[in-house]
Amino acid sequence: MKRNGLGMLAAVLGLTVALPAVAAEADRRQVNQQQRINEGVKSGELTGREAVRLERQHRSLQREIRRDRRDDGHLDAAERARIDAKQDALSRRIARQKHDAQSR
């Protein structure tokens, strides 16, 4: 059961990156963070629970970026600063989880 669940998680994470709509809307940093999460799952540096939690935070940030862009088609300085701070925090969480003592 555990093995099957992790396989499904990897498939879902892979599909997230492959979707053209997501890739078209996501900026370079979002794509990079998604790849870091996927690599952590593949290498065993992230447990399934860690990967699910990081993926949920990543999707939340993507939704926020789309919502902010929906207003006028771009991000103003305040929105960009807020998003950059959230991306910095997510990046630190990814690094911390990948390099902690836990593994699959």
C-alpha atoms as a PDB file:
ATOM      1  CA  MET A   1       0.000   0.000   0.000  1.00  0.00           C
ATOM      2  CA  LYS A   2       2.746   2.419   0.927  1.00  0.00           C
ATOM      3  CA  ARG A   3       4.618   1.721  -2.272  1.00  0.00           C
ATOM      4  CA  ASN A   4       1.531   2.180  -4.431  1.00  0.00           C
ATOM      5  CA  GLY A   5       0.697   5.471  -2.705  1.00  0.00           C
ATOM      6  CA  LEU A   6       4.159   6.855  -3.343  1.00  0.00           C
ATOM      7  CA  GLY A   7       3.924   5.814  -6.987  1.00  0.00           C
ATOM      8  CA  MET A   8       0.649   7.676  -7.327  1.00  0.00           C
ATOM      9  CA  LEU A   9       2.184  10.712  -5.627  1.00  0.00           C
ATOM     10  CA  ALA A  10       5.086  10.704  -8.080  1.00  0.00           C
ATOM     11  CA  ALA A  11       2.656  10.429 -11.006  1.00  0.00           C
ATOM     12  CA  VAL A  12       0.571  13.354  -9.753  1.00  0.00           C
ATOM     13  CA  LEU A  13       3.672  15.466  -9.214  1.00  0.00           C
ATOM     14  CA  GLY A  14       4.889  14.602 -12.694  1.00  0.00           C
ATOM     15  CA  LEU A  15       1.563  15.557 -14.255  1.00  0.00           C
ATOM     16  CA  THR A  16       1.642  18.910 -12.491  1.00  0.00           C
ATOM     17  CA  VAL A  17       4.860  19.825 -14.256  1.00  0.00           C
ATOM     18  CA  ALA A  18       3.686  18.435 -17.591  1.00  0.00           C
ATOM     19  CA  LEU A  19       0.484  20.440 -17.856  1.00  0.00           C
ATOM     20  CA  PRO A  20       1.087  23.163 -20.451  1.00  0.00           C
ATOM     21  CA  ALA A  21      -1.344  25.611 -18.868  1.00  0.00           C
ATOM     22  CA  VAL A  22       0.476  25.448 -15.551  1.00  0.00           C
ATOM     23  CA  ALA A  23       3.905  25.677 -17.184  1.00  0.00           C
ATOM     24  CA  ALA A  24       2.793  28.615 -19.348  1.00  0.00           C
ATOM     25  CA  GLU A  25       1.534  30.588 -16.365  1.00  0.00           C
ATOM     26  CA  ALA A  26       4.251  29.676 -13.914  1.00  0.00           C
ATOM     27  CA  ASP A  27       7.353  31.761 -13.886  1.00  0.00           C
ATOM     28  CA  ARG A  28      10.840  30.273 -13.899  1.00  0.00           C
ATOM     29  CA  ARG A  29      11.122  30.172 -10.114  1.00  0.00           C
ATOM     30  CA  GLN A  30       7.872  28.268  -9.635  1.00  0.00           C
ATOM     31  CA  VAL A  31       8.939  25.699 -12.217  1.00  0.00           C
ATOM     32  CA  ASN A  32      12.327  25.357 -10.512  1.00  0.00           C
ATOM     33  CA  GLN A  33      10.744  24.793  -7.112  1.00  0.00           C
ATOM     34  CA  GLN A  34       8.418  22.167  -8.564  1.00  0.00           C
ATOM     35  CA  GLN A  35      11.416  20.374 -10.054  1.00  0.00           C
ATOM     36  CA  ARG A  36      13.200  20.473  -6.687  1.00  0.00           C
ATOM     37  CA  ILE A  37      10.204  18.816  -5.026  1.00  0.00           C
ATOM     38  CA  ASN A  38      10.026  16.150  -7.757  1.00  0.00           C
ATOM     39  CA  GLU A  39      13.767  15.464  -7.480  1.00  0.00           C
ATOM     40  CA  GLY A  40      13.431  15.120  -3.713  1.00  0.00           C
ATOM     41  CA  VAL A  41      10.717  12.495  -4.170  1.00  0.00           C
ATOM     42  CA  LYS A  42      12.741  10.582  -6.771  1.00  0.00           C
ATOM     43  CA  SER A  43      15.944  10.617  -4.730  1.00  0.00           C
ATOM     44  CA  GLY A  44      14.205   9.700  -1.484  1.00  0.00           C
ATOM     45  CA  GLU A  45      15.266  12.930   0.229  1.00  0.00           C
ATOM     46  CA  LEU A  46      11.604  13.808   0.785  1.00  0.00           C
ATOM     47  CA  THR A  47       9.153  11.515   2.509  1.00  0.00           C
ATOM     48  CA  GLY A  48       5.693  11.205   1.014  1.00  0.00           C
ATOM     49  CA  ARG A  49       4.198  13.377   3.724  1.00  0.00           C
ATOM     50  CA  GLU A  50       6.833  16.084   3.240  1.00  0.00           C
ATOM     51  CA  ALA A  51       6.304  16.051  -0.526  1.00  0.00           C
ATOM     52  CA  VAL A  52       2.528  16.319  -0.198  1.00  0.00           C
ATOM     53  CA  ARG A  53       2.845  19.237   2.222  1.00  0.00           C
ATOM     54  CA  LEU A  54       5.339  21.099   0.002  1.00  0.00           C
ATOM     55  CA  GLU A  55       3.241  20.408  -3.089  1.00  0.00           C
ATOM     56  CA  ARG A  56       0.160  21.824  -1.357  1.00  0.00           C
ATOM     57  CA  GLN A  57       2.067  24.994  -0.435  1.00  0.00           C
ATOM     58  CA  HIS A  58       3.397  25.252  -3.996  1.00  0.00           C
ATOM     59  CA  ARG A  59      -0.107  24.972  -5.492  1.00  0.00           C
ATOM     60  CA  SER A  60      -1.403  27.569  -3.061  1.00  0.00           C
ATOM     61  CA  LEU A  61       1.278  30.010  -4.180  1.00  0.00           C
ATOM     62  CA  GLN A  62       0.499  29.294  -7.844  1.00  0.00           C
ATOM     63  CA  ARG A  63      -3.184  30.041  -7.233  1.00  0.00           C
ATOM     64  CA  GLU A  64      -2.240  33.293  -5.528  1.00  0.00           C
ATOM     65  CA  ILE A  65      -0.070  34.342  -8.483  1.00  0.00           C
ATOM     66  CA  ARG A  66      -2.880  33.554 -10.942  1.00  0.00           C
ATOM     67  CA  ARG A  67      -5.383  35.463  -8.802  1.00  0.00           C
ATOM     68  CA  ASP A  68      -3.109  38.515  -8.639  1.00  0.00           C
ATOM     69  CA  ARG A  69      -2.510  38.435 -12.401  1.00  0.00           C
ATOM     70  CA  ARG A  70      -6.227  38.103 -13.094  1.00  0.00           C
ATOM     71  CA  ASP A  71      -6.882  41.673 -11.949  1.00  0.00           C
ATOM     72  CA  ASP A  72      -4.968  43.483 -14.677  1.00  0.00           C
ATOM     73  CA  GLY A  73      -2.805  40.880 -16.370  1.00  0.00           C
ATOM     74  CA  HIS A  74       0.396  41.582 -14.458  1.00  0.00           C
ATOM     75  CA  LEU A  75       1.799  41.884 -10.960  1.00  0.00           C
ATOM     76  CA  ASP A  76       2.419  45.280  -9.447  1.00  0.00           C
ATOM     77  CA  ALA A  77       5.428  45.956  -7.208  1.00  0.00           C
ATOM     78  CA  ALA A  78       3.631  45.197  -3.942  1.00  0.00           C
ATOM     79  CA  GLU A  79       2.215  41.918  -5.259  1.00  0.00           C
ATOM     80  CA  ARG A  80       5.611  40.899  -6.642  1.00  0.00           C
ATOM     81  CA  ALA A  81       7.333  41.688  -3.315  1.00  0.00           C
ATOM     82  CA  ARG A  82       4.774  39.645  -1.372  1.00  0.00           C
ATOM     83  CA  ILE A  83       5.061  36.724  -3.789  1.00  0.00           C
ATOM     84  CA  ASP A  84       8.871  36.880  -3.742  1.00  0.00           C
ATOM     85  CA  ALA A  85       8.834  36.675   0.051  1.00  0.00           C
ATOM     86  CA  LYS A  86       6.516  33.665  -0.080  1.00  0.00           C
ATOM     87  CA  GLN A  87       8.696  32.011  -2.732  1.00  0.00           C
ATOM     88  CA  ASP A  88      11.758  32.601  -0.540  1.00  0.00           C
ATOM     89  CA  ALA A  89      10.003  30.946   2.392  1.00  0.00           C
ATOM     90  CA  LEU A  90       8.892  27.986   0.267  1.00  0.00           C
ATOM     91  CA  SER A  91      12.412  27.595  -1.104  1.00  0.00           C
ATOM     92  CA  ARG A  92      13.810  27.459   2.437  1.00  0.00           C
ATOM     93  CA  ARG A  93      11.183  24.880   3.441  1.00  0.00           C
ATOM     94  CA  ILE A  94      12.059  22.710   0.435  1.00  0.00           C
ATOM     95  CA  ALA A  95      15.775  22.870   1.273  1.00  0.00           C
ATOM     96  CA  ARG A  96      15.157  22.186   4.959  1.00  0.00           C
ATOM     97  CA  GLN A  97      12.960  19.170   4.241  1.00  0.00           C
ATOM     98  CA  LYS A  98      15.324  17.739   1.632  1.00  0.00           C
ATOM     99  CA  HIS A  99      18.297  17.958   3.961  1.00  0.00           C
ATOM    100  CA  ASP A 100      16.774  16.806   7.220  1.00  0.00           C
ATOM    101  CA  ALA A 101      17.571  13.355   8.584  1.00  0.00           C
ATOM    102  CA  GLN A 102      14.332  11.816   7.277  1.00  0.00           C
ATOM    103  CA  SER A 103      14.223   9.701   4.153  1.00  0.00           C
ATOM    104  CA  ARG A 104      11.935   7.176   2.539  1.00  0.00           C
END
